[in-house]
Amino acid sequence: MIFPSKVFLSILFVVLSSADASPLRPDAGKATLSFAARVNARGVVNIAAADRARAQAMKQAGSMGERAGRSSFSITNAVVTYTAQVGVGSPATEYTLLIDTGSSNTWIGANTPYNPTITSVDTGSTVAVSYGSGSFSGGEYTDTVTLSTGLVITEQSIGVASNSEGFGDVDGILGVGPTDLTYGTISDLETAPTVTDNLYSQGFIGVEALGIYFVPTTASDDAGELTFGGHDSSKITSSVTYVPLTTTSPASDYWGIDQSISYGRSTILSETAGIVDTGTTLVLIASDAFSAYQTATGAVMDEATGLLMITSSQYAKLQALTFKIGSKTYELTPNAQIWPRSLNADIGGSSDNIYLIVSDIGSDSGSGLDFINGYTFLQRHYSVFDTTNNQVGFATTSYTDDTSN
């Protein structure tokens, strides 16, 4: 897989220390980690299919009575892939890792080989994970992991790939999903602590939470920011409103919530369970909801990209897509519902066309995982993944109503 350097953006890692686990103060320190967003030129027809395959694999894992860590899903076909430069060992070797809230194993070695140092410990266990269009297997180690100068985690569980497929020019994954997603992936170990787990247990953060701030791809040279230990109040324009994690399976295996969705004044998806996932590109909704959305917008399926397409006159009449999560509503404006037109060529589309970022999850509502709010949703709304309190939170940002697409 090839990730061309057409889009290369920076993003910050911000850490709220255990002494300052409240929203970031203006004078609080920031730990900065090199972070990039890369455009994949293979075409969004692969993205839509990969997003659906990921969703179906998550559902299948739940129906089989297995923990989600055993499921097969794709993260490597994302149109915009967020990667971090992470050091492993002492002295550290730098690796380019994909950031994913939908998986939890951190591993390296897909390209740059592992370089054992005095901090490396071979646990003797093996590890294997399948991601749909990619996979890896190898040995499990513990080692020092450096996210930034001030973020050096000791004895972090990491996989070292002896075999991997589908990861192109990246070296592996930095998994920041729920810990239980590691279940069944490592021999002789039920689950493995994630990077976020160890940041908390080693005293770097006072709350085991991750705040995610993504910027629309064409809106700014700043791709966004990840905040460990809480959220960055300077990035939001409303308070963060939290909802408890859903109890409906299989969405409950992930960062799952309950929500309903309306287009204009009409409800197209009644309250149901789904997930919030940075590893999914599009907003996926149940097939019956998708059909209602397509009818309401007048969109047609574009064979070249696999996305819905509308005309300029239809775009002018496009109404808000509203997500009711708990007691709050969050909108995707008409502009937020379309793919960035300046990037149409990168997904195999025509520069003159207008494509929608809402796609079909592949099954009707009632499956226990009826939507995925992918990063096209998260680019417009700040999100907080709070393990300590078993909740997910959202807030608006200065980009919620952005018109750069």
Protein backbone atom coordinates (compact mmCIF):
# COMPACT_ATOMS: atom_id res chain seq x y z
CA MET A 1 0.00 0.00 0.00
CA ILE A 2 1.31 3.47 -0.91
CA PHE A 3 0.71 6.64 1.05
CA PRO A 4 1.83 9.59 -1.15
CA SER A 5 2.97 12.76 0.58
CA LYS A 6 0.34 15.02 -1.00
CA VAL A 7 -1.00 15.96 2.41
CA PHE A 8 1.45 16.17 5.29
CA LEU A 9 0.12 17.89 8.39
CA SER A 10 1.34 18.33 11.94
CA ILE A 11 -0.51 17.42 15.13
CA LEU A 12 0.33 17.81 18.80
CA PHE A 13 0.24 15.29 21.61
CA VAL A 14 -0.77 17.16 24.75
CA VAL A 15 -0.45 15.60 28.18
CA LEU A 16 -2.40 16.68 31.23
CA SER A 17 -0.24 15.60 34.15
CA SER A 18 -1.59 13.94 37.27
CA ALA A 19 -1.23 17.32 38.95
CA ASP A 20 -3.27 18.95 36.19
CA ALA A 21 -5.82 16.45 34.98
CA SER A 22 -8.40 19.18 34.53
CA PRO A 23 -8.79 20.92 31.16
CA LEU A 24 -5.52 22.34 29.93
CA ARG A 25 -4.56 25.70 31.39
CA PRO A 26 -3.01 28.33 29.09
CA ASP A 27 0.34 27.91 30.85
CA ALA A 28 0.31 24.13 30.94
CA GLY A 29 3.14 22.35 29.13
CA LYS A 30 2.66 20.52 25.89
CA ALA A 31 4.45 17.35 24.84
CA THR A 32 4.77 17.50 21.07
CA LEU A 33 5.05 14.39 18.90
CA SER A 34 5.60 14.43 15.15
CA PHE A 35 2.28 13.50 13.60
CA ALA A 36 1.14 13.32 10.00
CA ALA A 37 -1.96 12.93 7.87
CA ARG A 38 -1.34 11.16 4.57
CA VAL A 39 -3.62 10.83 1.56
CA ASN A 40 -4.01 7.37 0.07
CA ALA A 41 -4.42 7.47 -3.69
CA ARG A 42 -5.86 3.95 -4.09
CA GLY A 43 -9.38 5.34 -4.27
CA VAL A 44 -12.30 5.69 -1.90
CA VAL A 45 -14.10 2.71 -3.44
CA ASN A 46 -11.58 0.75 -1.36
CA ILE A 47 -12.32 2.96 1.63
CA ALA A 48 -16.08 2.43 1.55
CA ALA A 49 -15.59 -1.32 1.16
CA ALA A 50 -12.94 -1.42 3.89
CA ASP A 51 -15.10 0.61 6.26
CA ARG A 52 -17.99 -1.81 5.71
CA ALA A 53 -15.72 -4.84 6.13
CA ARG A 54 -14.43 -3.39 9.40
CA ALA A 55 -18.00 -2.90 10.66
CA GLN A 56 -19.14 -6.37 9.61
CA ALA A 57 -16.12 -7.99 11.27
CA MET A 58 -16.90 -6.17 14.51
CA LYS A 59 -20.49 -7.42 14.37
CA GLN A 60 -19.36 -10.96 13.60
CA ALA A 61 -17.05 -11.03 16.60
CA GLY A 62 -19.96 -10.08 18.85
CA SER A 63 -22.34 -12.66 17.35
CA MET A 64 -19.75 -15.39 17.83
CA GLY A 65 -19.54 -14.57 21.52
CA GLU A 66 -15.89 -13.56 21.21
CA ARG A 67 -14.11 -10.49 22.47
CA ALA A 68 -13.51 -7.88 19.79
CA GLY A 69 -9.75 -8.38 19.91
CA ARG A 70 -10.19 -11.49 17.80
CA SER A 71 -12.03 -9.77 14.96
CA SER A 72 -10.76 -8.97 11.49
CA PHE A 73 -11.10 -5.42 10.19
CA SER A 74 -9.25 -2.98 8.01
CA ILE A 75 -7.58 0.23 9.07
CA THR A 76 -4.88 0.55 6.42
CA ASN A 77 -7.12 1.78 3.57
CA ALA A 78 -8.07 5.08 5.19
CA VAL A 79 -8.00 8.01 2.78
CA VAL A 80 -6.33 10.14 5.41
CA THR A 81 -4.19 8.11 7.77
CA TYR A 82 -2.89 9.67 10.97
CA THR A 83 0.60 8.50 11.91
CA ALA A 84 2.89 9.23 14.86
CA GLN A 85 6.66 9.03 15.18
CA VAL A 86 7.24 6.79 18.19
CA GLY A 87 10.57 5.76 19.71
CA VAL A 88 11.14 2.22 21.01
CA GLY A 89 14.17 1.10 23.04
CA SER A 90 17.02 2.97 24.71
CA PRO A 91 18.57 4.50 22.72
CA ALA A 92 15.32 4.73 20.80
CA THR A 93 14.70 3.67 17.21
CA GLU A 94 11.94 5.77 15.62
CA TYR A 95 8.93 4.11 14.01
CA THR A 96 6.00 5.50 12.01
CA LEU A 97 2.82 4.10 13.58
CA LEU A 98 -0.83 4.41 12.66
CA ILE A 99 -3.05 5.87 15.42
CA ASP A 100 -6.19 3.81 16.01
CA THR A 101 -8.93 3.96 18.67
CA GLY A 102 -10.51 0.83 17.22
CA SER A 103 -7.63 -1.48 18.11
CA SER A 104 -5.39 -1.72 21.16
CA ASN A 105 -2.23 -3.69 20.34
CA THR A 106 0.83 -1.52 19.85
CA TRP A 107 3.30 -3.14 17.52
CA ILE A 108 6.23 -2.41 15.21
CA GLY A 109 8.38 -4.03 12.55
CA ALA A 110 6.29 -3.93 9.38
CA ASN A 111 9.08 -2.01 7.67
CA THR A 112 11.76 -0.64 10.00
CA PRO A 113 13.17 -3.68 11.85
CA TYR A 114 13.10 -3.92 15.62
CA ASN A 115 16.40 -2.99 17.24
CA PRO A 116 16.64 -4.61 20.71
CA THR A 117 18.47 -2.58 23.35
CA ILE A 118 19.16 -2.91 27.08
CA THR A 119 15.49 -2.13 27.84
CA SER A 120 14.11 -4.86 25.57
CA VAL A 121 12.58 -7.94 27.21
CA ASP A 122 11.35 -10.90 25.18
CA THR A 123 8.30 -12.21 27.07
CA GLY A 124 8.35 -15.52 25.19
CA SER A 125 4.73 -14.98 24.11
CA THR A 126 3.51 -14.79 20.53
CA VAL A 127 1.06 -12.24 19.14
CA ALA A 128 -1.15 -12.23 16.05
CA VAL A 129 -3.80 -9.76 14.87
CA SER A 130 -5.73 -9.56 11.59
CA TYR A 131 -6.98 -6.20 10.27
CA GLY A 132 -8.91 -7.37 7.20
CA SER A 133 -6.67 -5.97 4.45
CA GLY A 134 -3.60 -6.46 6.63
CA SER A 135 -2.26 -8.57 9.45
CA PHE A 136 0.79 -9.18 11.58
CA SER A 137 2.23 -11.92 13.74
CA GLY A 138 5.38 -12.20 15.77
CA GLY A 139 6.74 -12.05 19.31
CA GLU A 140 5.59 -10.02 22.28
CA TYR A 141 8.13 -7.84 24.09
CA THR A 142 8.16 -5.17 26.75
CA ASP A 143 10.28 -2.10 26.09
CA THR A 144 10.66 1.62 26.67
CA VAL A 145 8.33 3.63 24.42
CA THR A 146 9.04 7.31 23.82
CA LEU A 147 6.13 9.45 22.65
CA SER A 148 7.99 12.71 23.33
CA THR A 149 10.78 14.03 25.53
CA GLY A 150 8.44 14.18 28.52
CA LEU A 151 6.54 10.99 27.71
CA VAL A 152 8.75 7.96 28.16
CA ILE A 153 6.81 4.83 29.11
CA THR A 154 8.76 1.94 30.64
CA GLU A 155 7.92 -1.75 30.18
CA GLN A 156 5.27 -1.10 27.55
CA SER A 157 3.85 -4.24 25.96
CA ILE A 158 4.63 -4.21 22.22
CA GLY A 159 4.36 -6.71 19.40
CA VAL A 160 7.33 -7.22 17.11
CA ALA A 161 6.28 -8.41 13.68
CA SER A 162 8.05 -11.33 12.05
CA ASN A 163 5.35 -11.37 9.38
CA SER A 164 3.08 -8.53 8.26
CA GLU A 165 0.94 -7.67 5.26
CA GLY A 166 -0.84 -4.56 4.04
CA PHE A 167 0.96 -1.77 5.89
CA GLY A 168 2.84 -0.09 3.06
CA ASP A 169 5.37 2.43 4.31
CA VAL A 170 4.24 2.46 7.96
CA ASP A 171 5.83 0.34 10.68
CA GLY A 172 2.81 -0.75 12.71
CA ILE A 173 0.08 0.58 14.99
CA LEU A 174 -0.19 2.64 18.16
CA GLY A 175 -3.36 1.12 19.60
CA VAL A 176 -5.39 3.40 21.89
CA GLY A 177 -8.67 1.49 21.98
CA PRO A 178 -10.21 -0.28 25.00
CA THR A 179 -7.87 -2.73 26.72
CA ASP A 180 -10.21 -5.68 26.12
CA LEU A 181 -9.53 -5.42 22.38
CA THR A 182 -6.18 -7.14 23.11
CA TYR A 183 -8.06 -10.21 24.42
CA GLY A 184 -6.98 -13.40 22.67
CA THR A 185 -4.23 -11.76 20.62
CA ILE A 186 -1.26 -12.69 22.84
CA SER A 187 -0.42 -16.22 23.94
CA ASP A 188 -0.23 -16.84 27.70
CA LEU A 189 -1.76 -13.42 28.40
CA GLU A 190 -5.45 -12.55 28.71
CA THR A 191 -5.06 -8.84 27.92
CA ALA A 192 -2.17 -6.38 27.62
CA PRO A 193 -2.06 -2.81 28.97
CA THR A 194 -2.35 -0.13 26.32
CA VAL A 195 -0.22 2.99 26.03
CA THR A 196 -2.99 4.96 27.76
CA ASP A 197 -3.17 2.38 30.57
CA ASN A 198 0.55 2.75 31.27
CA LEU A 199 0.54 6.54 31.04
CA TYR A 200 -2.00 6.40 33.86
CA SER A 201 -0.36 3.66 35.96
CA GLN A 202 3.06 5.31 35.68
CA GLY A 203 1.73 8.65 36.88
CA PHE A 204 1.89 10.71 33.69
CA ILE A 205 -1.87 11.40 33.75
CA GLY A 206 -4.44 11.58 36.53
CA VAL A 207 -7.41 10.39 34.47
CA GLU A 208 -7.26 7.59 31.93
CA ALA A 209 -8.77 9.59 29.10
CA LEU A 210 -7.81 10.63 25.58
CA GLY A 211 -9.02 13.84 23.94
CA ILE A 212 -9.00 13.94 20.14
CA TYR A 213 -9.06 17.12 18.08
CA PHE A 214 -9.03 16.63 14.33
CA VAL A 215 -9.08 19.51 11.85
CA PRO A 216 -10.85 19.19 8.46
CA THR A 217 -8.25 18.06 5.96
CA THR A 218 -8.22 21.18 3.78
CA ALA A 219 -9.01 23.75 6.49
CA SER A 220 -5.57 24.23 8.02
CA ASP A 221 -1.95 23.11 8.01
CA ASP A 222 -2.56 21.96 11.59
CA ALA A 223 -4.02 18.45 11.55
CA GLY A 224 -5.07 18.55 15.18
CA GLU A 225 -4.10 17.36 18.62
CA LEU A 226 -4.30 14.37 20.95
CA THR A 227 -4.56 15.07 24.68
CA PHE A 228 -3.78 12.33 27.17
CA GLY A 229 -5.35 12.80 30.60
CA GLY A 230 -8.38 14.93 29.72
CA HIS A 231 -9.20 17.53 27.09
CA ASP A 232 -7.74 20.79 25.84
CA SER A 233 -10.25 23.54 26.60
CA SER A 234 -8.52 25.89 24.15
CA LYS A 235 -9.70 23.72 21.25
CA ILE A 236 -13.42 23.66 22.01
CA THR A 237 -16.25 26.18 21.73
CA SER A 238 -18.67 24.41 24.08
CA SER A 239 -18.39 22.33 27.21
CA VAL A 240 -17.73 18.61 26.80
CA THR A 241 -20.93 16.61 27.31
CA TYR A 242 -20.47 12.97 28.25
CA VAL A 243 -22.64 9.91 27.71
CA PRO A 244 -22.11 6.43 29.20
CA LEU A 245 -20.79 3.65 27.04
CA THR A 246 -23.52 1.53 25.49
CA THR A 247 -24.39 -1.86 26.97
CA THR A 248 -25.57 -3.21 23.60
CA SER A 249 -23.32 -5.83 22.02
CA PRO A 250 -21.24 -5.85 19.88
CA ALA A 251 -20.90 -2.05 20.04
CA SER A 252 -20.14 -2.39 23.76
CA ASP A 253 -16.83 -4.11 22.92
CA TYR A 254 -15.55 -0.83 21.45
CA TRP A 255 -16.01 2.88 22.17
CA GLY A 256 -19.75 2.35 21.76
CA ILE A 257 -22.55 4.86 22.38
CA ASP A 258 -26.30 5.20 21.75
CA GLN A 259 -27.54 7.87 19.34
CA SER A 260 -30.26 8.74 16.83
CA ILE A 261 -29.76 10.53 13.51
CA SER A 262 -32.03 12.99 11.71
CA TYR A 263 -31.78 14.54 8.27
CA GLY A 264 -33.51 17.90 8.27
CA ARG A 265 -36.66 17.36 10.35
CA SER A 266 -36.95 13.63 9.66
CA THR A 267 -35.47 10.89 11.84
CA ILE A 268 -33.65 8.41 9.61
CA LEU A 269 -32.16 6.28 12.41
CA SER A 270 -33.96 5.86 15.75
CA GLU A 271 -31.85 5.63 18.89
CA THR A 272 -29.58 2.63 18.61
CA ALA A 273 -26.06 1.47 19.39
CA GLY A 274 -22.93 2.07 17.35
CA ILE A 275 -19.34 3.19 17.80
CA VAL A 276 -16.99 6.16 17.51
CA ASP A 277 -13.84 5.20 15.63
CA THR A 278 -10.83 7.06 14.25
CA GLY A 279 -9.96 4.03 12.13
CA THR A 280 -13.08 4.48 10.00
CA THR A 281 -13.02 7.19 7.34
CA LEU A 282 -16.70 7.75 6.59
CA VAL A 283 -19.89 8.06 8.59
CA LEU A 284 -21.49 4.63 8.23
CA ILE A 285 -25.18 4.15 8.97
CA ALA A 286 -27.55 1.17 8.82
CA SER A 287 -28.78 0.25 5.33
CA ASP A 288 -32.38 1.35 5.97
CA ALA A 289 -31.17 4.72 7.28
CA PHE A 290 -28.80 5.05 4.35
CA SER A 291 -31.63 4.43 1.90
CA ALA A 292 -33.71 7.16 3.58
CA TYR A 293 -30.73 9.55 3.44
CA GLN A 294 -30.10 8.84 -0.24
CA THR A 295 -33.75 9.40 -1.09
CA ALA A 296 -33.92 12.64 0.90
CA THR A 297 -30.77 14.09 -0.68
CA GLY A 298 -31.51 12.84 -4.19
CA ALA A 299 -27.99 11.46 -4.42
CA VAL A 300 -26.90 8.75 -6.85
CA MET A 301 -24.18 6.18 -6.39
CA ASP A 302 -20.95 7.05 -8.21
CA GLU A 303 -19.32 3.92 -9.59
CA ALA A 304 -15.86 5.49 -9.81
CA THR A 305 -15.58 6.25 -6.10
CA GLY A 306 -18.24 4.10 -4.46
CA LEU A 307 -19.68 7.22 -2.80
CA LEU A 308 -22.98 9.01 -3.13
CA MET A 309 -22.82 11.99 -5.51
CA ILE A 310 -25.01 15.10 -5.70
CA THR A 311 -25.33 18.02 -8.08
CA SER A 312 -24.56 21.64 -7.24
CA SER A 313 -28.27 22.44 -7.04
CA GLN A 314 -28.81 19.49 -4.67
CA TYR A 315 -25.88 20.66 -2.55
CA ALA A 316 -27.50 24.09 -2.27
CA LYS A 317 -30.59 22.39 -0.79
CA LEU A 318 -28.70 19.96 1.47
CA GLN A 319 -29.96 20.01 5.06
CA ALA A 320 -28.17 19.37 8.35
CA LEU A 321 -27.48 15.81 9.49
CA THR A 322 -28.10 15.81 13.23
CA PHE A 323 -26.75 13.29 15.73
CA LYS A 324 -28.64 13.18 19.06
CA ILE A 325 -26.27 11.78 21.66
CA GLY A 326 -27.67 11.82 25.17
CA SER A 327 -29.37 15.16 25.74
CA LYS A 328 -27.26 17.03 23.16
CA THR A 329 -27.36 17.30 19.38
CA TYR A 330 -24.35 17.58 17.09
CA GLU A 331 -24.68 18.65 13.47
CA LEU A 332 -22.85 17.85 10.30
CA THR A 333 -23.54 20.94 8.20
CA PRO A 334 -24.04 20.57 4.45
CA ASN A 335 -20.33 21.32 3.93
CA ALA A 336 -19.36 18.73 6.54
CA GLN A 337 -21.35 16.08 4.65
CA ILE A 338 -19.25 16.35 1.49
CA TRP A 339 -15.78 15.08 0.67
CA PRO A 340 -13.17 17.88 0.32
CA ARG A 341 -13.54 18.82 -3.33
CA SER A 342 -9.88 19.74 -3.69
CA LEU A 343 -9.07 16.09 -2.87
CA ASN A 344 -11.52 14.51 -5.32
CA ALA A 345 -8.71 13.34 -7.59
CA ASP A 346 -7.09 11.52 -4.68
CA ILE A 347 -10.13 9.27 -4.33
CA GLY A 348 -10.50 8.58 -8.05
CA GLY A 349 -13.22 11.18 -8.53
CA SER A 350 -13.76 14.12 -10.85
CA SER A 351 -12.78 17.60 -9.67
CA ASP A 352 -16.22 18.91 -10.72
CA ASN A 353 -18.26 16.40 -8.71
CA ILE A 354 -19.62 16.60 -5.16
CA TYR A 355 -19.39 13.42 -3.10
CA LEU A 356 -21.07 12.67 0.24
CA ILE A 357 -19.22 11.14 3.21
CA VAL A 358 -22.22 9.14 4.48
CA SER A 359 -22.13 5.48 3.46
CA ASP A 360 -23.94 2.18 4.00
CA ILE A 361 -22.77 0.01 6.91
CA GLY A 362 -24.02 -3.06 5.04
CA SER A 363 -26.93 -4.27 7.20
CA ASP A 364 -30.26 -2.96 8.48
CA SER A 365 -30.69 -1.41 11.92
CA GLY A 366 -31.09 -3.69 14.91
CA SER A 367 -27.74 -5.47 14.61
CA GLY A 368 -26.23 -4.00 17.78
CA LEU A 369 -23.78 -1.92 15.75
CA ASP A 370 -25.86 0.33 13.50
CA PHE A 371 -23.50 3.24 12.89
CA ILE A 372 -19.87 4.25 12.98
CA ASN A 373 -18.98 7.88 13.50
CA GLY A 374 -15.68 7.93 11.64
CA TYR A 375 -13.09 10.66 11.48
CA THR A 376 -15.20 12.74 9.06
CA PHE A 377 -17.51 13.23 12.05
CA LEU A 378 -14.61 13.70 14.47
CA GLN A 379 -13.10 16.42 12.28
CA ARG A 380 -16.11 18.57 13.21
CA HIS A 381 -16.54 17.59 16.87
CA TYR A 382 -13.97 17.23 19.65
CA SER A 383 -14.16 13.82 21.30
CA VAL A 384 -12.98 12.41 24.63
CA PHE A 385 -12.54 8.69 25.26
CA ASP A 386 -12.68 8.27 29.05
CA THR A 387 -11.74 4.84 30.39
CA THR A 388 -11.78 5.91 34.05
CA ASN A 389 -15.44 6.91 33.94
CA ASN A 390 -16.63 4.58 31.15
CA GLN A 391 -17.88 7.38 28.96
CA VAL A 392 -17.39 9.26 25.72
CA GLY A 393 -17.73 13.03 25.43
CA PHE A 394 -18.20 15.53 22.61
CA ALA A 395 -17.88 19.28 22.14
CA THR A 396 -18.06 21.72 19.25
CA THR A 397 -14.94 23.39 17.86
CA SER A 398 -14.14 26.36 15.65
CA TYR A 399 -14.26 23.91 12.73
CA THR A 400 -17.75 22.53 13.42
CA ASP A 401 -19.22 24.97 10.88
CA ASP A 402 -16.16 25.20 8.66
CA THR A 403 -16.84 25.52 4.91
CA SER A 404 -13.45 24.43 3.49
CA ASN A 405 -14.74 21.20 1.94
